[in-house]
Every structure is written in structure tokens, then in C-alpha cells.
Amino acid sequence: MADLIFLEPVFHEKIWGGRRLATEFGYDIPDGPIGECWAISAHPHGDCVVVGGEYDGMHLSEVWDGHREAFGSMEGDRFPLLIKILDAEGDLSVQIHPDDAYAAEHENGSLGKRECWYVLDCEPDATAPSTEPAVAATIAPGRVRWLVVVRKPDSGRMTSLGMGGNTFSMRMRAPTAR
């Protein structure tokens, strides 16, 4: 069995970010509103560096490209995941993410962006917008493709995120949104 690979996360400032990644998760984050911790990433916009072990100092993308045996039977021309922890002190924008075919054609060969979110914690007044295709279909069949509904999230529930929440996000690695 291969050794565990430990990574130095990459942090991204966002207008909606906060400071809970430091105060509640213990990360040493840069100044400013930090909205995203890219905990596992080989993406060009935030390629994590390996800490310790055989691959110490290498970027995760370098390990993926040069030492595929470290990943078992995973396949692909690039590391397929982007694992994030989000701190949303303000509301996030509503985004429509491309599938693989659209991204390959219009996003310089990127992968599509399928994702799931798991709410780690949220404030009592937190909100979470979500798309509701079934509801939209009953309102205007054939005319409305999706509808955004704002609801109160619960810790431990899969959802999207509004202000006042910390979320674990697992997604395909493309950072694009439409």
C-alpha cells in the first residue's frame, strides 16, 4: 500500500469569504476575506505542494504526471478532483457549470464541473440557494429549465451555499462557471 500524501493547501480570496478557515479550522491563511481552501488540487490556478515523504516539495500535478503508481488505478490525462473547504461570509453567486463536452469545446480543453457539497456547519440564519428542476417543470413545462429556491440548510446535508456557512466541496477540477 502506498504512503499517504500530505498537501499544503492553497487559499483563495473571495469577496464573499471570511476568516473561519483560520478561527475554526486552524489554517494559517493570508490576510483578507478568504473564501476557499483548495485542500487537494492539481489545478493550474492552485496546485498543492506535497509536504514530507517521498514527493516532498513537488506539486500534486507533478506527482500525478510522473508517479502515477501513487494513485493506484486512477486514469486520465490530469488529476480529476478539486477538494475545497469554503467559508461563505456573504452570498455566493448562482452558477451554471459546463459538462465535459461544453468545457472541452469552449473552455480551452478543461473538464466539466460536476460537484457535490456537504455542509460542515452553518449559522442559524444561513440560507442556501438550490436549483429545483422538478419544481420549475410544474410551473412552466418546456419553458423553464431550472428555478432557484432559497432554503435554510442543515449541518450535515448536501446543498449549495449562501452566507453564514462552511462547506466541504468536492468537484471536478474545472474552476469555470457560466
C-alpha atoms as a PDB file:
ATOM      1  CA  MET A   1       0.000   0.000   0.000  1.00  0.00           C
ATOM      2  CA  ALA A   2       1.280   3.475  -0.905  1.00  0.00           C
ATOM      3  CA  ASP A   3       2.071   6.033   1.773  1.00  0.00           C
ATOM      4  CA  LEU A   4      -0.344   8.867   2.395  1.00  0.00           C
ATOM      5  CA  ILE A   5       0.433  12.093   0.557  1.00  0.00           C
ATOM      6  CA  PHE A   6       0.085  15.230   2.696  1.00  0.00           C
ATOM      7  CA  LEU A   7      -0.513  18.548   0.930  1.00  0.00           C
ATOM      8  CA  GLU A   8      -0.100  22.230   1.705  1.00  0.00           C
ATOM      9  CA  PRO A   9      -3.479  23.775   0.808  1.00  0.00           C
ATOM     10  CA  VAL A  10      -3.889  26.773  -1.475  1.00  0.00           C
ATOM     11  CA  PHE A  11      -6.112  29.652  -0.288  1.00  0.00           C
ATOM     12  CA  HIS A  12      -8.165  31.948  -2.497  1.00  0.00           C
ATOM     13  CA  GLU A  13      -9.511  35.359  -1.536  1.00  0.00           C
ATOM     14  CA  LYS A  14     -13.163  35.870  -2.462  1.00  0.00           C
ATOM     15  CA  ILE A  15     -15.406  38.900  -1.998  1.00  0.00           C
ATOM     16  CA  TRP A  16     -17.811  36.649  -0.058  1.00  0.00           C
ATOM     17  CA  GLY A  17     -15.072  34.994   2.043  1.00  0.00           C
ATOM     18  CA  GLY A  18     -14.355  35.310   5.740  1.00  0.00           C
ATOM     19  CA  ARG A  19     -11.859  34.234   8.423  1.00  0.00           C
ATOM     20  CA  ARG A  20     -13.395  30.970   9.702  1.00  0.00           C
ATOM     21  CA  LEU A  21     -10.808  28.836   7.897  1.00  0.00           C
ATOM     22  CA  ALA A  22      -8.361  30.252  10.485  1.00  0.00           C
ATOM     23  CA  THR A  23     -10.582  30.596  13.544  1.00  0.00           C
ATOM     24  CA  GLU A  24     -12.482  27.297  13.236  1.00  0.00           C
ATOM     25  CA  PHE A  25     -10.222  25.070  11.134  1.00  0.00           C
ATOM     26  CA  GLY A  26      -6.825  26.305  12.339  1.00  0.00           C
ATOM     27  CA  TYR A  27      -5.380  27.153   8.935  1.00  0.00           C
ATOM     28  CA  ASP A  28      -2.693  29.846   8.674  1.00  0.00           C
ATOM     29  CA  ILE A  29      -4.449  31.888   5.985  1.00  0.00           C
ATOM     30  CA  PRO A  30      -3.416  35.121   4.260  1.00  0.00           C
ATOM     31  CA  ASP A  31      -4.989  38.466   5.185  1.00  0.00           C
ATOM     32  CA  GLY A  32      -8.311  39.391   3.638  1.00  0.00           C
ATOM     33  CA  PRO A  33     -11.617  37.616   3.028  1.00  0.00           C
ATOM     34  CA  ILE A  34     -10.524  34.031   2.303  1.00  0.00           C
ATOM     35  CA  GLY A  35     -13.363  32.069   0.771  1.00  0.00           C
ATOM     36  CA  GLU A  36     -11.718  28.893  -0.455  1.00  0.00           C
ATOM     37  CA  CYS A  37      -9.198  26.393   0.848  1.00  0.00           C
ATOM     38  CA  TRP A  38      -8.138  24.159  -2.025  1.00  0.00           C
ATOM     39  CA  ALA A  39      -7.141  21.221   0.172  1.00  0.00           C
ATOM     40  CA  ILE A  40      -6.477  18.732  -2.640  1.00  0.00           C
ATOM     41  CA  SER A  41      -5.752  20.309  -6.006  1.00  0.00           C
ATOM     42  CA  ALA A  42      -3.509  19.816  -9.021  1.00  0.00           C
ATOM     43  CA  HIS A  43      -5.252  22.625 -10.898  1.00  0.00           C
ATOM     44  CA  PRO A  44      -3.094  25.298 -12.597  1.00  0.00           C
ATOM     45  CA  HIS A  45      -4.878  28.005 -10.538  1.00  0.00           C
ATOM     46  CA  GLY A  46      -3.836  26.325  -7.285  1.00  0.00           C
ATOM     47  CA  ASP A  47      -1.532  23.309  -7.429  1.00  0.00           C
ATOM     48  CA  CYS A  48      -0.934  21.974  -3.890  1.00  0.00           C
ATOM     49  CA  VAL A  49       2.623  21.180  -2.779  1.00  0.00           C
ATOM     50  CA  VAL A  50       3.422  17.849  -1.116  1.00  0.00           C
ATOM     51  CA  VAL A  51       4.668  18.128   2.482  1.00  0.00           C
ATOM     52  CA  GLY A  52       7.027  15.354   3.623  1.00  0.00           C
ATOM     53  CA  GLY A  53       7.547  11.856   2.316  1.00  0.00           C
ATOM     54  CA  GLU A  54       8.933  10.654  -0.968  1.00  0.00           C
ATOM     55  CA  TYR A  55       7.433  13.511  -3.020  1.00  0.00           C
ATOM     56  CA  ASP A  56       8.247  16.364  -0.615  1.00  0.00           C
ATOM     57  CA  GLY A  57       8.266  19.755  -2.345  1.00  0.00           C
ATOM     58  CA  MET A  58       6.650  18.508  -5.554  1.00  0.00           C
ATOM     59  CA  HIS A  59       3.356  19.877  -6.836  1.00  0.00           C
ATOM     60  CA  LEU A  60       0.480  17.387  -6.876  1.00  0.00           C
ATOM     61  CA  SER A  61       0.319  17.726 -10.687  1.00  0.00           C
ATOM     62  CA  GLU A  62       3.981  16.656 -10.903  1.00  0.00           C
ATOM     63  CA  VAL A  63       3.312  13.590  -8.765  1.00  0.00           C
ATOM     64  CA  TRP A  64       0.269  12.762 -10.939  1.00  0.00           C
ATOM     65  CA  ASP A  65       2.273  13.138 -14.159  1.00  0.00           C
ATOM     66  CA  GLY A  66       5.460  11.376 -13.025  1.00  0.00           C
ATOM     67  CA  HIS A  67       4.409   8.869 -10.362  1.00  0.00           C
ATOM     68  CA  ARG A  68       1.013   7.521 -11.350  1.00  0.00           C
ATOM     69  CA  GLU A  69       1.617   4.430  -9.225  1.00  0.00           C
ATOM     70  CA  ALA A  70       0.985   6.631  -6.143  1.00  0.00           C
ATOM     71  CA  PHE A  71      -2.682   6.901  -7.206  1.00  0.00           C
ATOM     72  CA  GLY A  72      -3.488   3.226  -7.698  1.00  0.00           C
ATOM     73  CA  SER A  73      -5.577   2.538 -10.782  1.00  0.00           C
ATOM     74  CA  MET A  74      -6.791   6.125 -11.366  1.00  0.00           C
ATOM     75  CA  GLU A  75      -6.643   7.161 -15.013  1.00  0.00           C
ATOM     76  CA  GLY A  76      -6.806  10.393 -17.004  1.00  0.00           C
ATOM     77  CA  ASP A  77      -4.549  12.998 -18.533  1.00  0.00           C
ATOM     78  CA  ARG A  78      -4.859  15.253 -15.449  1.00  0.00           C
ATOM     79  CA  PHE A  79      -5.703  14.882 -11.776  1.00  0.00           C
ATOM     80  CA  PRO A  80      -9.515  14.752 -11.819  1.00  0.00           C
ATOM     81  CA  LEU A  81     -10.573  16.254  -8.466  1.00  0.00           C
ATOM     82  CA  LEU A  82     -10.589  19.584  -6.689  1.00  0.00           C
ATOM     83  CA  ILE A  83     -11.410  19.268  -2.975  1.00  0.00           C
ATOM     84  CA  LYS A  84     -12.299  22.546  -1.238  1.00  0.00           C
ATOM     85  CA  ILE A  85     -13.453  23.902   2.091  1.00  0.00           C
ATOM     86  CA  LEU A  86     -15.478  27.083   1.630  1.00  0.00           C
ATOM     87  CA  ASP A  87     -16.115  29.913   4.073  1.00  0.00           C
ATOM     88  CA  ALA A  88     -19.080  31.960   2.872  1.00  0.00           C
ATOM     89  CA  GLU A  89     -19.481  35.071   4.979  1.00  0.00           C
ATOM     90  CA  GLY A  90     -21.510  36.577   2.134  1.00  0.00           C
ATOM     91  CA  ASP A  91     -23.759  35.080  -0.544  1.00  0.00           C
ATOM     92  CA  LEU A  92     -22.169  33.205  -3.420  1.00  0.00           C
ATOM     93  CA  SER A  93     -23.309  33.809  -6.978  1.00  0.00           C
ATOM     94  CA  VAL A  94     -25.618  31.377  -8.728  1.00  0.00           C
ATOM     95  CA  GLN A  95     -23.573  29.496 -11.321  1.00  0.00           C
ATOM     96  CA  ILE A  96     -24.314  27.108 -14.148  1.00  0.00           C
ATOM     97  CA  HIS A  97     -21.397  24.746 -14.684  1.00  0.00           C
ATOM     98  CA  PRO A  98     -20.460  23.207 -18.037  1.00  0.00           C
ATOM     99  CA  ASP A  99     -20.385  19.487 -18.737  1.00  0.00           C
ATOM    100  CA  ASP A 100     -17.246  17.842 -20.171  1.00  0.00           C
ATOM    101  CA  ALA A 101     -18.276  18.318 -23.832  1.00  0.00           C
ATOM    102  CA  TYR A 102     -19.038  22.044 -23.456  1.00  0.00           C
ATOM    103  CA  ALA A 103     -15.903  22.695 -21.395  1.00  0.00           C
ATOM    104  CA  ALA A 104     -13.678  20.855 -23.872  1.00  0.00           C
ATOM    105  CA  GLU A 105     -15.006  22.988 -26.733  1.00  0.00           C
ATOM    106  CA  HIS A 106     -15.364  26.400 -25.041  1.00  0.00           C
ATOM    107  CA  GLU A 107     -13.022  26.360 -22.012  1.00  0.00           C
ATOM    108  CA  ASN A 108      -9.637  25.559 -23.585  1.00  0.00           C
ATOM    109  CA  GLY A 109      -9.968  21.809 -23.157  1.00  0.00           C
ATOM    110  CA  SER A 110     -10.969  21.907 -19.476  1.00  0.00           C
ATOM    111  CA  LEU A 111     -13.070  19.240 -17.825  1.00  0.00           C
ATOM    112  CA  GLY A 112     -16.708  19.861 -16.987  1.00  0.00           C
ATOM    113  CA  LYS A 113     -17.675  20.667 -13.427  1.00  0.00           C
ATOM    114  CA  ARG A 114     -19.817  18.154 -11.577  1.00  0.00           C
ATOM    115  CA  GLU A 115     -19.836  18.758  -7.846  1.00  0.00           C
ATOM    116  CA  CYS A 116     -21.383  17.891  -4.535  1.00  0.00           C
ATOM    117  CA  TRP A 117     -21.367  19.972  -1.360  1.00  0.00           C
ATOM    118  CA  TYR A 118     -21.582  18.831   2.242  1.00  0.00           C
ATOM    119  CA  VAL A 119     -22.452  21.447   4.885  1.00  0.00           C
ATOM    120  CA  LEU A 120     -19.950  21.227   7.744  1.00  0.00           C
ATOM    121  CA  ASP A 121     -21.558  23.977   9.816  1.00  0.00           C
ATOM    122  CA  CYS A 122     -23.856  26.947   9.333  1.00  0.00           C
ATOM    123  CA  GLU A 123     -25.216  29.919  11.220  1.00  0.00           C
ATOM    124  CA  PRO A 124     -28.857  29.728  12.401  1.00  0.00           C
ATOM    125  CA  ASP A 125     -29.894  32.327   9.776  1.00  0.00           C
ATOM    126  CA  ALA A 126     -27.851  30.852   6.899  1.00  0.00           C
ATOM    127  CA  THR A 127     -29.537  30.389   3.525  1.00  0.00           C
ATOM    128  CA  ALA A 128     -28.792  28.026   0.652  1.00  0.00           C
ATOM    129  CA  PRO A 129     -29.992  28.601  -2.906  1.00  0.00           C
ATOM    130  CA  SER A 130     -30.537  25.426  -4.927  1.00  0.00           C
ATOM    131  CA  THR A 131     -31.842  24.559  -8.347  1.00  0.00           C
ATOM    132  CA  GLU A 132     -35.131  22.743  -8.439  1.00  0.00           C
ATOM    133  CA  PRO A 133     -35.743  21.357 -11.956  1.00  0.00           C
ATOM    134  CA  ALA A 134     -38.795  19.336 -10.883  1.00  0.00           C
ATOM    135  CA  VAL A 135     -40.486  22.419  -9.419  1.00  0.00           C
ATOM    136  CA  ALA A 136     -39.646  24.503 -12.478  1.00  0.00           C
ATOM    137  CA  ALA A 137     -41.137  21.850 -14.758  1.00  0.00           C
ATOM    138  CA  THR A 138     -44.503  22.083 -12.977  1.00  0.00           C
ATOM    139  CA  ILE A 139     -44.581  25.878 -13.260  1.00  0.00           C
ATOM    140  CA  ALA A 140     -43.882  26.198 -16.980  1.00  0.00           C
ATOM    141  CA  PRO A 141     -43.353  22.838 -18.712  1.00  0.00           C
ATOM    142  CA  GLY A 142     -40.901  23.149 -21.577  1.00  0.00           C
ATOM    143  CA  ARG A 143     -40.078  26.798 -20.844  1.00  0.00           C
ATOM    144  CA  VAL A 144     -38.188  26.953 -17.535  1.00  0.00           C
ATOM    145  CA  ARG A 145     -35.114  24.728 -17.235  1.00  0.00           C
ATOM    146  CA  TRP A 146     -34.434  25.368 -13.533  1.00  0.00           C
ATOM    147  CA  LEU A 147     -35.546  27.556 -10.679  1.00  0.00           C
ATOM    148  CA  VAL A 148     -33.517  28.817  -7.745  1.00  0.00           C
ATOM    149  CA  VAL A 149     -35.101  28.234  -4.354  1.00  0.00           C
ATOM    150  CA  VAL A 150     -33.615  29.698  -1.172  1.00  0.00           C
ATOM    151  CA  ARG A 151     -33.892  27.456   1.867  1.00  0.00           C
ATOM    152  CA  LYS A 152     -32.343  27.028   5.285  1.00  0.00           C
ATOM    153  CA  PRO A 153     -29.505  24.437   5.197  1.00  0.00           C
ATOM    154  CA  ASP A 154     -28.762  21.948   7.939  1.00  0.00           C
ATOM    155  CA  SER A 155     -25.265  20.927   9.028  1.00  0.00           C
ATOM    156  CA  GLY A 156     -24.546  17.502   7.599  1.00  0.00           C
ATOM    157  CA  ARG A 157     -26.681  17.987   4.488  1.00  0.00           C
ATOM    158  CA  MET A 158     -25.700  18.119   0.814  1.00  0.00           C
ATOM    159  CA  THR A 159     -26.554  21.541  -0.606  1.00  0.00           C
ATOM    160  CA  SER A 160     -25.299  24.706  -2.265  1.00  0.00           C
ATOM    161  CA  LEU A 161     -24.261  27.605  -0.054  1.00  0.00           C
ATOM    162  CA  GLY A 162     -25.347  31.109   0.912  1.00  0.00           C
ATOM    163  CA  MET A 163     -23.867  33.363   3.558  1.00  0.00           C
ATOM    164  CA  GLY A 164     -23.069  32.073   7.028  1.00  0.00           C
ATOM    165  CA  GLY A 165     -21.859  28.583   6.166  1.00  0.00           C
ATOM    166  CA  ASN A 166     -18.768  26.395   5.943  1.00  0.00           C
ATOM    167  CA  THR A 167     -18.943  23.732   3.271  1.00  0.00           C
ATOM    168  CA  PHE A 168     -16.798  20.871   2.081  1.00  0.00           C
ATOM    169  CA  SER A 169     -16.881  20.849  -1.699  1.00  0.00           C
ATOM    170  CA  MET A 170     -15.823  18.004  -3.962  1.00  0.00           C
ATOM    171  CA  ARG A 171     -15.865  18.685  -7.658  1.00  0.00           C
ATOM    172  CA  MET A 172     -14.301  18.076 -10.993  1.00  0.00           C
ATOM    173  CA  ARG A 173     -11.291  20.340 -11.191  1.00  0.00           C
ATOM    174  CA  ALA A 174     -12.531  22.942 -13.696  1.00  0.00           C
ATOM    175  CA  PRO A 175     -12.976  26.358 -11.969  1.00  0.00           C
ATOM    176  CA  THR A 176     -15.216  27.652 -14.768  1.00  0.00           C
ATOM    177  CA  ALA A 177     -18.803  28.753 -14.308  1.00  0.00           C
ATOM    178  CA  ARG A 178     -21.479  30.114 -16.609  1.00  0.00           C
END
